Structure formats: C-alpha cells, structure tokens
Amino acid sequence: MDKSKKNFLFVSLGALIGDIAWQVKKEGQNVKYFIDAESEKQVGDGFVPKVDNWEEHVDWADVIVFDDVLGLGTHAKRLRDAGKHVIGGTPYTDMLEDDRSFGQTELKKHGVSILPFHEFTDFDSAIAHVKANPSAYVIKPSGEAQNIKRLLFVGQEDDGMDVIHVLQSYKAVYADTVKVFQLQRRVRGVEIAVGAFFNGTKFMNPINVNFEHKLLFPGDIGPATGEMGTCMYWSGPNRLFRATLGKLEARLAEEGYVGYMDVNCIVNGNGIYPLEFTARFGYPTISIQADGLAMPLHEFLSGMADGSLTDFKAKRGFQIGLRVVVPPFPYNDPKTFEANSKDRVIIFRKPNFEGIHIEDVKLVKNEWLVTGSSGVVLVVTGMGVSVKQAQAQAYQRVKNILIPNMYYRKDIGDRWLEDHDKLHTWGYLRQS
C-alpha cells in the first residue's frame, strides 16, 4: 500500500457527501463510502468504492467524514474520543440544527440577539397564538420534518391571516409528519449567511459569506427546495461573523467540534437576526467551496480533522454554484421519478467536466445516469473576480449538459448584485 496515501471513510445517511468522496478519490486518495438510506444506495456507484457496513472500516480509516446531523454527532464524538480523526458533530451541535428552539436559545445564551419565537406541538395552539398576536410569521418545522423544505412558509401578510390558512392546511395534511414547529416573527431585510470551518479548537480562516437561493423558480417564487444554488466569497472575520458565530467559538471548542458551522441571518439597518444553524457541511455549499480552495481537498479535510490546519488559502473573487434537477424535485413522488427521470443518461456535448459535481448520479458502462429518488442531479460551479464573471462561467458550463426534463435557476448570484450596497452601507461586511 502507498504510505503517502490517506484512507478516507465517508458515512452518509442520505447520500449527501458523494461528490466530496469523488473529489478526494480523484486526488489519488483511498476512499470508501457508506450510504444508509435504502432508496439512495446506488448514488455514487462507479464513482467511488462503496461499503455495506461503515463500522467495519473504522480501523482502516485515517479520516472519517460524517455528512449530516440527525444523530450522527453521537457516532462522531464516540470515535473522536477514541482517538480517531473525525469530521462531524456532537450531540450538542446536532441539536443546534435539529432542534430550532434549542439553537435559538443557545444564540441568546451567548449574547446574540434573536427574533421572538414560540414553539408548538399542535396546530390549534399556533392558530390561536397568531389570532391573539397578529403579525407576519415564518412557520418552521423542527426535527426530521425540517428536511421537507417545502413545509417552511414565510408569511407575507402583517395580520398573519396567510399563516393561519397555511396552519389550517398543515393540520389537515401534515399532523402526523410535523410534530414540533416554530412560529418566528418575520423581519424584512437582506438574507445572508456566514459560515466557517472549525478544527476542534478554533474557527479556521478565511470565513465564508454566502447567499442561498432556496425557492424553486427565478425571482424567488415557488416552493422552498432547501437549495437551488449559492453565491459566495471568502473573507477575513467580519462584523457579521463576530456578532454571531464568533461568540460560540469557546463553546464549540469545549465540544471538540470538527466541521463546518453556518448561520443564516436576516440583516437590516436595525440589526442582525440569526434564523437557523447548519451544523455540518452544506449541500451544495461544500462542493462550491471545494472549488474555491487553493490547496488539495484531501489535505484540507485531513488538516481540519487532526487540528493542524488553522489558516488556509482560498481563491479570490466570487463563486457560484447551481443545482441541475429533474422531476419530481422538490417533491417526493416515486411514480413521477420512475416515469420521467430514473436511469436517464446525462449527456455532455463536449467532454469537459470542469466545475461539474455529482449528486444523485451513478456511472454505468462509462455513462452517467440519474439515480436515487429526489431528482437532484448535478451541481455546476463558476468562479470569477466579479459575480457576473462567475455567473457567466457557471451558465456556460450548464449549456454543455443535456438531461431530459432538466431545470435550474438562471438568477443565482443576482441577490448579491441587488443587496451588496445595503450590506456595505450597514457595515456588516467590514473586517476591521
């Protein structure tokens, strides 16, 4: 065995981390990949070696990477405590994301201003609350239900009547699915996220400033999808970071957390209002970030896992990443997926794979095929010294791809063009 190579074990609940495993394999490292969800087992086939039981390969691995929360932090902490180099959470950091109310309470405990919210376990109580306290609200499911992104609802009406109608609908349809949810007061402003990688003792530099595009259609209309694309850039610690994530650094060090931590915020001239944590790699965020590293990805992951990497070099300018999807995304409809998308061939007009990242894809006889169950197929990235240059590169690369029934947003990055003057005026991006 080549002693210069490292062994990377990737552990996934729902086949999120496959692209990163593939990138590490392409850099010449030894890779094994485990997927727990039965419906996603074929994701990554042909691209990376797969295993059926990840626990059997722990001793083999030099670096273990967990791709989600939902209890994986318990495994990550156990293995870290046993001396393994692990990227993944802890029970505490899992809760920051999985339990929205806990995440907000922790922010408040560490001196971060938060929006008023109430947690509910039944819809009638929530409806009564809105009637008694008319205002614009956001409905946010907690726990596993928050993975059904279309259930998040952002109210538009100041009397809350649209929220009441949606809660009545959810009561009829989703009472068995949504066990716990939040009503959070809605505030208007610019939506922006700040994230950073944590190496077990401190946040690594640079940090990442990013703008997610969560709704299905251009112009931010349609159902919430979780993510259709992101615009980002790297920065030194700025005012936004210091007012939010920076305040949790000592607490994360107590946990020995290793991985990415991101907080999505609404900001305006009155202040910064954190909305929710991502206590893990973001998807497709991590694939876009990987293209922005000015060092091999496997060295980055290994240095983060063993704590030796504190500062890293990233490429200047802006990065754009957009998701290419097929029916039934963003809905769960096996019949539609089977009829329209499953095993469809992904055609590249020219053999150019720069900026192409896989999601629910498998390789069969040298053909890329759509697999899995969600209809999320590829992430396509672009970079440039300006947002417009990054957009131009990403969308030029998309033109090289042909998948029957594919769709994607054509405005990823436009939010920066619309909002950067406000953010600079308010001073949130200032590094001094």
Protein backbone atom coordinates (compact mmCIF):
# COMPACT_ATOMS: atom_id res chain seq x y z
CA MET A 1 0.00 0.00 0.00
CA ASP A 2 1.19 3.52 -0.84
CA LYS A 3 2.04 5.05 2.57
CA SER A 4 1.71 8.59 1.14
CA LYS A 5 -2.00 8.00 0.54
CA LYS A 6 -4.57 8.53 3.27
CA ASN A 7 -7.66 6.42 3.85
CA PHE A 8 -10.95 8.37 3.90
CA LEU A 9 -14.22 6.82 5.10
CA PHE A 10 -17.36 8.80 4.24
CA VAL A 11 -20.54 7.99 6.18
CA SER A 12 -23.88 9.21 4.86
CA LEU A 13 -27.50 8.90 5.92
CA GLY A 14 -28.97 10.06 2.63
CA ALA A 15 -26.13 10.17 0.09
CA LEU A 16 -25.16 13.82 0.50
CA ILE A 17 -21.36 13.59 0.61
CA GLY A 18 -20.74 11.55 -2.56
CA ASP A 19 -19.28 14.43 -4.58
CA ILE A 20 -16.66 15.19 -1.92
CA ALA A 21 -15.74 11.50 -1.72
CA TRP A 22 -15.32 11.52 -5.52
CA GLN A 23 -13.13 14.64 -5.44
CA VAL A 24 -10.88 13.07 -2.79
CA LYS A 25 -10.62 9.86 -4.82
CA LYS A 26 -9.67 11.87 -7.94
CA GLU A 27 -6.81 13.37 -5.91
CA GLY A 28 -5.38 9.86 -5.56
CA GLN A 29 -6.51 9.02 -2.03
CA ASN A 30 -8.10 5.77 -0.83
CA VAL A 31 -11.86 6.21 -0.36
CA LYS A 32 -14.74 4.11 0.99
CA TYR A 33 -18.33 5.37 1.05
CA PHE A 34 -21.32 4.13 3.09
CA ILE A 35 -24.93 5.16 2.43
CA ASP A 36 -27.60 4.22 4.96
CA ALA A 37 -30.85 5.06 3.09
CA GLU A 38 -32.02 2.09 1.02
CA SER A 39 -33.51 4.31 -1.71
CA GLU A 40 -30.14 6.05 -2.23
CA LYS A 41 -27.83 3.03 -2.18
CA GLN A 42 -26.89 3.34 -5.87
CA VAL A 43 -25.84 7.00 -5.61
CA GLY A 44 -22.14 7.29 -6.41
CA ASP A 45 -21.86 3.76 -7.84
CA GLY A 46 -18.96 3.65 -10.27
CA PHE A 47 -17.53 6.91 -8.97
CA VAL A 48 -16.38 5.78 -5.52
CA PRO A 49 -15.93 2.38 -3.81
CA LYS A 50 -18.88 1.55 -1.52
CA VAL A 51 -19.17 -0.45 1.71
CA ASP A 52 -22.20 -2.04 3.37
CA ASN A 53 -21.13 -1.58 7.00
CA TRP A 54 -19.08 1.51 7.83
CA GLU A 55 -18.26 0.40 11.37
CA GLU A 56 -16.17 -2.46 9.97
CA HIS A 57 -13.85 0.05 8.25
CA VAL A 58 -13.20 2.44 11.16
CA ASP A 59 -9.79 0.93 11.94
CA TRP A 60 -8.82 1.19 8.25
CA ALA A 61 -9.65 4.90 8.06
CA ASP A 62 -7.22 7.75 8.69
CA VAL A 63 -10.05 10.30 8.36
CA ILE A 64 -13.77 9.68 8.88
CA VAL A 65 -16.31 12.17 7.48
CA PHE A 66 -19.98 12.23 8.55
CA ASP A 67 -22.33 14.11 6.25
CA ASP A 68 -25.32 15.10 8.38
CA VAL A 69 -26.79 15.72 11.83
CA LEU A 70 -29.83 13.63 12.95
CA GLY A 71 -27.83 11.62 15.47
CA LEU A 72 -24.56 11.21 13.57
CA GLY A 73 -22.88 13.54 16.07
CA THR A 74 -23.14 10.76 18.66
CA HIS A 75 -21.04 8.46 16.44
CA ALA A 76 -18.58 11.23 15.55
CA LYS A 77 -17.97 12.13 19.19
CA ARG A 78 -17.55 8.49 20.21
CA LEU A 79 -14.89 7.92 17.56
CA ARG A 80 -13.12 11.22 18.26
CA ASP A 81 -13.00 10.35 21.94
CA ALA A 82 -11.39 7.05 20.91
CA GLY A 83 -8.61 8.94 19.13
CA LYS A 84 -9.84 8.85 15.52
CA HIS A 85 -9.60 11.88 13.23
CA VAL A 86 -13.25 12.67 12.54
CA ILE A 87 -15.14 15.42 10.75
CA GLY A 88 -18.59 15.51 12.28
CA GLY A 89 -20.62 16.88 15.13
CA THR A 90 -21.51 16.07 18.70
CA PRO A 91 -24.93 15.56 20.28
CA TYR A 92 -24.82 19.27 21.23
CA THR A 93 -24.03 20.55 17.73
CA ASP A 94 -26.61 18.19 16.17
CA MET A 95 -29.23 19.83 18.38
CA LEU A 96 -28.23 23.31 17.21
CA GLU A 97 -29.67 22.38 13.81
CA ASP A 98 -32.21 19.64 14.54
CA ASP A 99 -33.95 21.48 17.40
CA ARG A 100 -34.62 25.01 16.15
CA SER A 101 -35.69 26.31 19.56
CA PHE A 102 -32.54 24.95 21.20
CA GLY A 103 -30.43 26.65 18.52
CA GLN A 104 -32.13 30.00 19.12
CA THR A 105 -31.80 29.62 22.89
CA GLU A 106 -28.07 28.91 22.57
CA LEU A 107 -27.57 32.01 20.43
CA LYS A 108 -29.36 34.11 23.04
CA LYS A 109 -27.32 32.50 25.84
CA HIS A 110 -24.12 33.58 24.08
CA GLY A 111 -25.21 37.19 23.69
CA VAL A 112 -26.64 37.08 20.17
CA SER A 113 -29.90 38.95 19.51
CA ILE A 114 -32.68 36.70 18.22
CA LEU A 115 -36.17 37.20 16.84
CA PRO A 116 -39.15 36.38 19.08
CA PHE A 117 -40.36 32.81 18.53
CA HIS A 118 -42.72 30.28 20.04
CA GLU A 119 -42.57 26.50 19.76
CA PHE A 120 -45.71 24.44 19.24
CA THR A 121 -46.63 20.76 19.25
CA ASP A 122 -50.15 21.21 17.86
CA PHE A 123 -51.64 23.41 15.15
CA ASP A 124 -54.68 24.69 17.07
CA SER A 125 -52.48 26.37 19.68
CA ALA A 126 -50.41 28.01 16.94
CA ILE A 127 -53.52 29.29 15.14
CA ALA A 128 -54.83 30.73 18.42
CA HIS A 129 -51.44 32.42 19.01
CA VAL A 130 -51.47 34.16 15.62
CA LYS A 131 -55.08 35.31 16.11
CA ALA A 132 -54.17 36.76 19.52
CA ASN A 133 -50.91 38.30 18.23
CA PRO A 134 -51.46 39.38 14.61
CA SER A 135 -48.18 39.81 12.74
CA ALA A 136 -46.12 38.36 9.89
CA TYR A 137 -44.64 34.98 10.89
CA VAL A 138 -42.48 32.22 9.48
CA ILE A 139 -43.57 28.59 10.00
CA LYS A 140 -40.50 26.41 10.65
CA PRO A 141 -40.85 22.65 11.25
CA SER A 142 -38.31 21.14 13.65
CA GLY A 143 -36.62 17.73 13.85
CA GLU A 144 -36.77 15.41 10.84
CA ALA A 145 -39.74 17.32 9.36
CA GLN A 146 -37.48 20.31 8.67
CA ASN A 147 -35.90 18.23 5.90
CA ILE A 148 -39.19 18.57 4.00
CA LYS A 149 -38.18 22.05 2.85
CA ARG A 150 -41.46 22.89 1.16
CA LEU A 151 -43.17 22.96 4.58
CA LEU A 152 -41.27 26.10 5.60
CA PHE A 153 -43.62 29.01 4.96
CA VAL A 154 -42.73 32.70 5.01
CA GLY A 155 -45.79 34.79 5.76
CA GLN A 156 -46.39 37.95 3.75
CA GLU A 157 -49.42 39.47 5.48
CA ASP A 158 -48.97 41.71 8.51
CA ASP A 159 -52.18 40.42 10.13
CA GLY A 160 -50.96 36.81 9.88
CA MET A 161 -54.03 35.57 8.02
CA ASP A 162 -51.96 33.78 5.36
CA VAL A 163 -50.10 31.95 8.13
CA ILE A 164 -53.40 30.93 9.74
CA HIS A 165 -54.63 29.49 6.42
CA VAL A 166 -51.40 27.52 5.97
CA LEU A 167 -51.51 26.21 9.55
CA GLN A 168 -55.09 25.03 8.96
CA SER A 169 -53.95 23.24 5.81
CA TYR A 170 -50.98 21.66 7.61
CA LYS A 171 -53.27 20.48 10.40
CA ALA A 172 -55.37 18.60 7.84
CA VAL A 173 -52.49 17.08 5.87
CA TYR A 174 -49.29 17.01 7.95
CA ALA A 175 -50.38 16.47 11.56
CA ASP A 176 -48.63 13.08 11.64
CA THR A 177 -45.45 14.42 9.99
CA VAL A 178 -44.86 17.75 11.75
CA LYS A 179 -44.68 17.00 15.47
CA VAL A 180 -42.85 20.17 16.57
CA PHE A 181 -42.59 23.53 14.84
CA GLN A 182 -41.74 27.16 15.44
CA LEU A 183 -43.55 30.36 14.68
CA GLN A 184 -40.89 33.05 14.34
CA ARG A 185 -41.65 36.72 13.88
CA ARG A 186 -40.79 37.74 10.34
CA VAL A 187 -38.46 40.68 9.85
CA ARG A 188 -37.68 42.19 6.45
CA GLY A 189 -34.16 42.81 5.22
CA VAL A 190 -31.32 41.08 3.38
CA GLU A 191 -30.89 37.32 3.84
CA ILE A 192 -27.22 36.42 4.20
CA ALA A 193 -25.30 33.55 5.77
CA VAL A 194 -21.87 33.43 7.34
CA GLY A 195 -20.00 30.18 7.88
CA ALA A 196 -16.60 28.87 8.88
CA PHE A 197 -14.77 25.59 9.33
CA PHE A 198 -13.87 24.53 12.88
CA ASN A 199 -10.80 22.37 13.59
CA GLY A 200 -11.66 21.15 17.11
CA THR A 201 -10.29 24.21 18.92
CA LYS A 202 -11.00 27.29 16.78
CA PHE A 203 -12.56 28.65 13.62
CA MET A 204 -10.29 28.42 10.60
CA ASN A 205 -9.65 31.41 8.34
CA PRO A 206 -10.89 32.63 5.94
CA ILE A 207 -14.60 32.57 6.68
CA ASN A 208 -17.30 32.17 4.04
CA VAL A 209 -20.02 34.71 3.22
CA ASN A 210 -22.83 33.21 1.17
CA PHE A 211 -26.22 33.93 -0.32
CA GLU A 212 -28.54 30.94 -0.69
CA HIS A 213 -31.34 30.75 -3.24
CA LYS A 214 -33.89 28.44 -1.68
CA LEU A 215 -37.03 28.73 -3.79
CA LEU A 216 -37.54 26.72 -6.96
CA PHE A 217 -38.04 29.43 -9.57
CA PRO A 218 -36.05 32.51 -10.63
CA GLY A 219 -37.12 35.65 -8.80
CA ASP A 220 -37.58 33.69 -5.56
CA ILE A 221 -41.03 32.29 -6.24
CA GLY A 222 -42.39 28.76 -5.94
CA PRO A 223 -41.89 26.08 -3.29
CA ALA A 224 -38.94 26.02 -0.90
CA THR A 225 -36.40 23.42 -2.03
CA GLY A 226 -33.67 23.59 0.59
CA GLU A 227 -31.27 24.95 -2.02
CA MET A 228 -31.22 25.72 -5.76
CA GLY A 229 -27.86 27.48 -5.75
CA THR A 230 -25.48 29.72 -3.83
CA CYS A 231 -23.26 32.73 -4.43
CA MET A 232 -20.27 33.08 -2.08
CA TYR A 233 -16.91 34.61 -1.37
CA TRP A 234 -14.15 34.15 1.22
CA SER A 235 -13.34 36.85 3.75
CA GLY A 236 -11.45 37.66 6.91
CA PRO A 237 -13.64 37.67 10.05
CA ASN A 238 -16.16 40.49 9.60
CA ARG A 239 -18.74 42.21 11.76
CA LEU A 240 -21.44 39.70 10.83
CA PHE A 241 -19.23 36.76 11.88
CA ARG A 242 -18.12 38.38 15.13
CA ALA A 243 -21.73 39.18 16.09
CA THR A 244 -22.91 35.59 15.54
CA LEU A 245 -20.68 32.54 15.08
CA GLY A 246 -17.65 34.17 16.68
CA LYS A 247 -19.50 34.28 20.00
CA LEU A 248 -19.82 30.47 20.02
CA GLU A 249 -16.15 29.68 19.41
CA ALA A 250 -15.32 28.81 23.03
CA ARG A 251 -18.43 26.62 23.33
CA LEU A 252 -17.60 24.70 20.14
CA ALA A 253 -14.03 24.23 21.41
CA GLU A 254 -15.44 22.67 24.60
CA GLU A 255 -17.27 20.20 22.37
CA GLY A 256 -14.21 19.49 20.23
CA TYR A 257 -16.41 20.11 17.20
CA VAL A 258 -14.83 19.47 13.80
CA GLY A 259 -16.58 20.55 10.63
CA TYR A 260 -18.46 23.44 9.11
CA MET A 261 -20.79 25.76 11.02
CA ASP A 262 -23.06 28.24 9.27
CA VAL A 263 -25.75 30.61 10.48
CA ASN A 264 -28.32 32.11 8.15
CA CYS A 265 -29.44 35.63 9.07
CA ILE A 266 -31.74 38.47 8.13
CA VAL A 267 -29.97 41.82 8.48
CA ASN A 268 -31.23 45.37 8.11
CA GLY A 269 -30.36 48.83 9.37
CA ASN A 270 -31.57 47.90 12.86
CA GLY A 271 -29.54 44.75 13.46
CA ILE A 272 -28.61 41.13 12.75
CA TYR A 273 -31.23 38.42 13.28
CA PRO A 274 -29.96 34.80 13.09
CA LEU A 275 -32.51 32.38 11.66
CA GLU A 276 -31.01 28.88 11.78
CA PHE A 277 -27.82 26.86 12.02
CA THR A 278 -26.27 24.45 9.56
CA ALA A 279 -24.06 22.37 11.88
CA ARG A 280 -22.39 20.29 9.13
CA PHE A 281 -21.30 20.70 5.54
CA GLY A 282 -23.94 22.43 3.45
CA TYR A 283 -25.15 20.92 0.19
CA PRO A 284 -24.40 22.09 -2.46
CA THR A 285 -22.29 24.60 -0.47
CA ILE A 286 -19.36 22.26 0.22
CA SER A 287 -18.97 21.36 -3.47
CA ILE A 288 -18.79 25.06 -4.38
CA GLN A 289 -16.35 25.71 -1.53
CA ALA A 290 -14.15 22.80 -2.63
CA ASP A 291 -13.61 24.53 -5.98
CA GLY A 292 -12.56 27.67 -4.11
CA LEU A 293 -9.75 26.04 -2.12
CA ALA A 294 -6.21 26.88 -3.20
CA MET A 295 -5.00 23.53 -1.84
CA PRO A 296 -5.90 19.86 -2.38
CA LEU A 297 -9.24 18.95 -0.83
CA HIS A 298 -7.88 15.85 0.92
CA GLU A 299 -5.18 17.94 2.65
CA PHE A 300 -7.85 20.42 3.73
CA LEU A 301 -10.07 17.71 5.20
CA SER A 302 -7.18 15.90 6.88
CA GLY A 303 -5.77 19.11 8.39
CA MET A 304 -9.20 20.08 9.74
CA ALA A 305 -9.76 16.60 11.18
CA ASP A 306 -6.42 16.41 13.04
CA GLY A 307 -6.48 20.09 14.07
CA SER A 308 -3.23 21.03 12.36
CA LEU A 309 -4.82 23.41 9.83
CA THR A 310 -5.81 26.83 11.16
CA ASP A 311 -5.42 29.09 8.11
CA PHE A 312 -5.84 28.05 4.52
CA LYS A 313 -5.61 29.72 1.15
CA ALA A 314 -8.76 30.28 -0.87
CA LYS A 315 -9.22 31.68 -4.34
CA ARG A 316 -10.10 35.34 -4.71
CA GLY A 317 -13.30 36.66 -6.17
CA PHE A 318 -16.72 35.04 -6.21
CA GLN A 319 -18.04 31.52 -6.63
CA ILE A 320 -21.42 30.48 -8.00
CA GLY A 321 -22.98 27.05 -7.74
CA LEU A 322 -26.35 26.00 -9.15
CA ARG A 323 -28.29 22.78 -8.91
CA VAL A 324 -29.48 20.96 -12.02
CA VAL A 325 -32.58 18.95 -11.11
CA VAL A 326 -35.24 16.75 -12.76
CA PRO A 327 -38.83 15.76 -11.86
CA PRO A 328 -40.24 15.32 -9.27
CA PHE A 329 -37.89 17.68 -7.38
CA PRO A 330 -38.65 19.22 -4.91
CA TYR A 331 -41.46 16.74 -4.27
CA ASN A 332 -41.35 13.09 -3.19
CA ASP A 333 -43.19 11.27 -5.96
CA PRO A 334 -41.69 7.85 -6.78
CA LYS A 335 -44.04 7.24 -9.74
CA THR A 336 -43.08 10.51 -11.42
CA PHE A 337 -39.38 9.87 -10.78
CA GLU A 338 -39.66 6.35 -12.21
CA ALA A 339 -41.51 7.53 -15.31
CA ASN A 340 -39.54 10.67 -16.12
CA SER A 341 -36.09 10.60 -14.56
CA LYS A 342 -34.74 7.30 -13.24
CA ASP A 343 -31.72 5.98 -15.18
CA ARG A 344 -31.87 8.83 -17.72
CA VAL A 345 -28.49 9.41 -19.35
CA ILE A 346 -26.64 12.65 -18.59
CA ILE A 347 -25.13 13.83 -21.87
CA PHE A 348 -22.15 16.18 -22.11
CA ARG A 349 -22.00 17.81 -25.54
CA LYS A 350 -18.23 18.17 -25.13
CA PRO A 351 -16.08 16.07 -22.75
CA ASN A 352 -15.46 18.97 -20.36
CA PHE A 353 -16.17 18.24 -16.69
CA GLU A 354 -14.66 21.38 -15.13
CA GLY A 355 -16.96 22.67 -12.39
CA ILE A 356 -19.23 19.60 -12.59
CA HIS A 357 -20.13 17.99 -9.26
CA ILE A 358 -22.27 14.88 -8.81
CA GLU A 359 -25.27 14.48 -6.54
CA ASP A 360 -27.72 11.63 -7.30
CA VAL A 361 -25.69 10.08 -10.13
CA LYS A 362 -24.17 6.66 -10.88
CA LEU A 363 -21.67 5.53 -13.51
CA VAL A 364 -22.64 2.51 -15.62
CA LYS A 365 -20.52 1.41 -18.62
CA ASN A 366 -18.96 4.87 -18.70
CA GLU A 367 -22.37 6.56 -18.87
CA TRP A 368 -23.59 8.97 -16.18
CA LEU A 369 -27.14 8.03 -15.13
CA VAL A 370 -29.69 9.72 -12.85
CA THR A 371 -30.33 7.59 -9.75
CA GLY A 372 -31.52 7.93 -6.15
CA SER A 373 -35.05 9.21 -5.59
CA SER A 374 -35.00 13.00 -5.19
CA GLY A 375 -34.23 14.29 -8.70
CA VAL A 376 -31.19 16.31 -7.57
CA VAL A 377 -28.60 15.50 -10.24
CA LEU A 378 -25.65 17.88 -10.55
CA VAL A 379 -24.06 21.00 -9.12
CA VAL A 380 -22.39 23.27 -11.66
CA THR A 381 -19.95 25.92 -10.45
CA GLY A 382 -18.29 29.01 -11.81
CA MET A 383 -15.68 31.47 -10.49
CA GLY A 384 -14.63 34.99 -11.34
CA VAL A 385 -13.29 38.25 -9.96
CA SER A 386 -16.86 39.58 -10.17
CA VAL A 387 -20.22 37.92 -9.61
CA LYS A 388 -21.11 38.48 -13.26
CA GLN A 389 -17.95 36.64 -14.38
CA ALA A 390 -18.70 33.73 -12.03
CA GLN A 391 -22.28 33.59 -13.32
CA ALA A 392 -21.12 33.63 -16.95
CA GLN A 393 -18.76 30.70 -16.38
CA ALA A 394 -21.34 28.61 -14.49
CA TYR A 395 -24.10 29.13 -17.03
CA GLN A 396 -21.76 28.48 -19.94
CA ARG A 397 -20.91 25.13 -18.34
CA VAL A 398 -24.62 24.29 -17.96
CA LYS A 399 -25.09 24.69 -21.71
CA ASN A 400 -22.80 21.68 -22.16
CA ILE A 401 -25.23 19.41 -20.25
CA LEU A 402 -28.28 17.67 -21.66
CA ILE A 403 -30.68 15.72 -19.44
CA PRO A 404 -34.31 15.15 -20.46
CA ASN A 405 -36.63 17.40 -18.39
CA MET A 406 -33.75 19.15 -16.55
CA TYR A 407 -34.35 22.52 -14.92
CA TYR A 408 -32.38 25.06 -12.88
CA ARG A 409 -32.49 28.68 -11.77
CA LYS A 410 -30.94 31.25 -14.10
CA ASP A 411 -30.51 34.01 -11.49
CA ILE A 412 -28.08 32.52 -8.96
CA GLY A 413 -25.95 35.42 -7.73
CA ASP A 414 -28.39 38.19 -8.59
CA ARG A 415 -29.12 38.73 -4.89
CA TRP A 416 -25.55 39.94 -4.33
CA LEU A 417 -25.94 42.41 -7.17
CA GLU A 418 -29.15 43.68 -5.54
CA ASP A 419 -28.05 43.71 -1.90
CA HIS A 420 -24.31 44.46 -1.62
CA ASP A 421 -24.80 48.24 -1.45
CA LYS A 422 -27.13 47.84 1.54
CA LEU A 423 -24.75 45.43 3.30
CA HIS A 424 -21.81 47.80 2.84
CA THR A 425 -23.85 50.78 3.99
CA TRP A 426 -24.88 48.93 7.15
CA GLY A 427 -21.26 47.87 7.73
CA TYR A 428 -21.84 44.13 8.25
CA LEU A 429 -19.11 43.05 5.81
CA ARG A 430 -16.45 45.27 7.36
CA GLN A 431 -13.43 43.29 8.55
CA SER A 432 -11.88 45.89 10.87
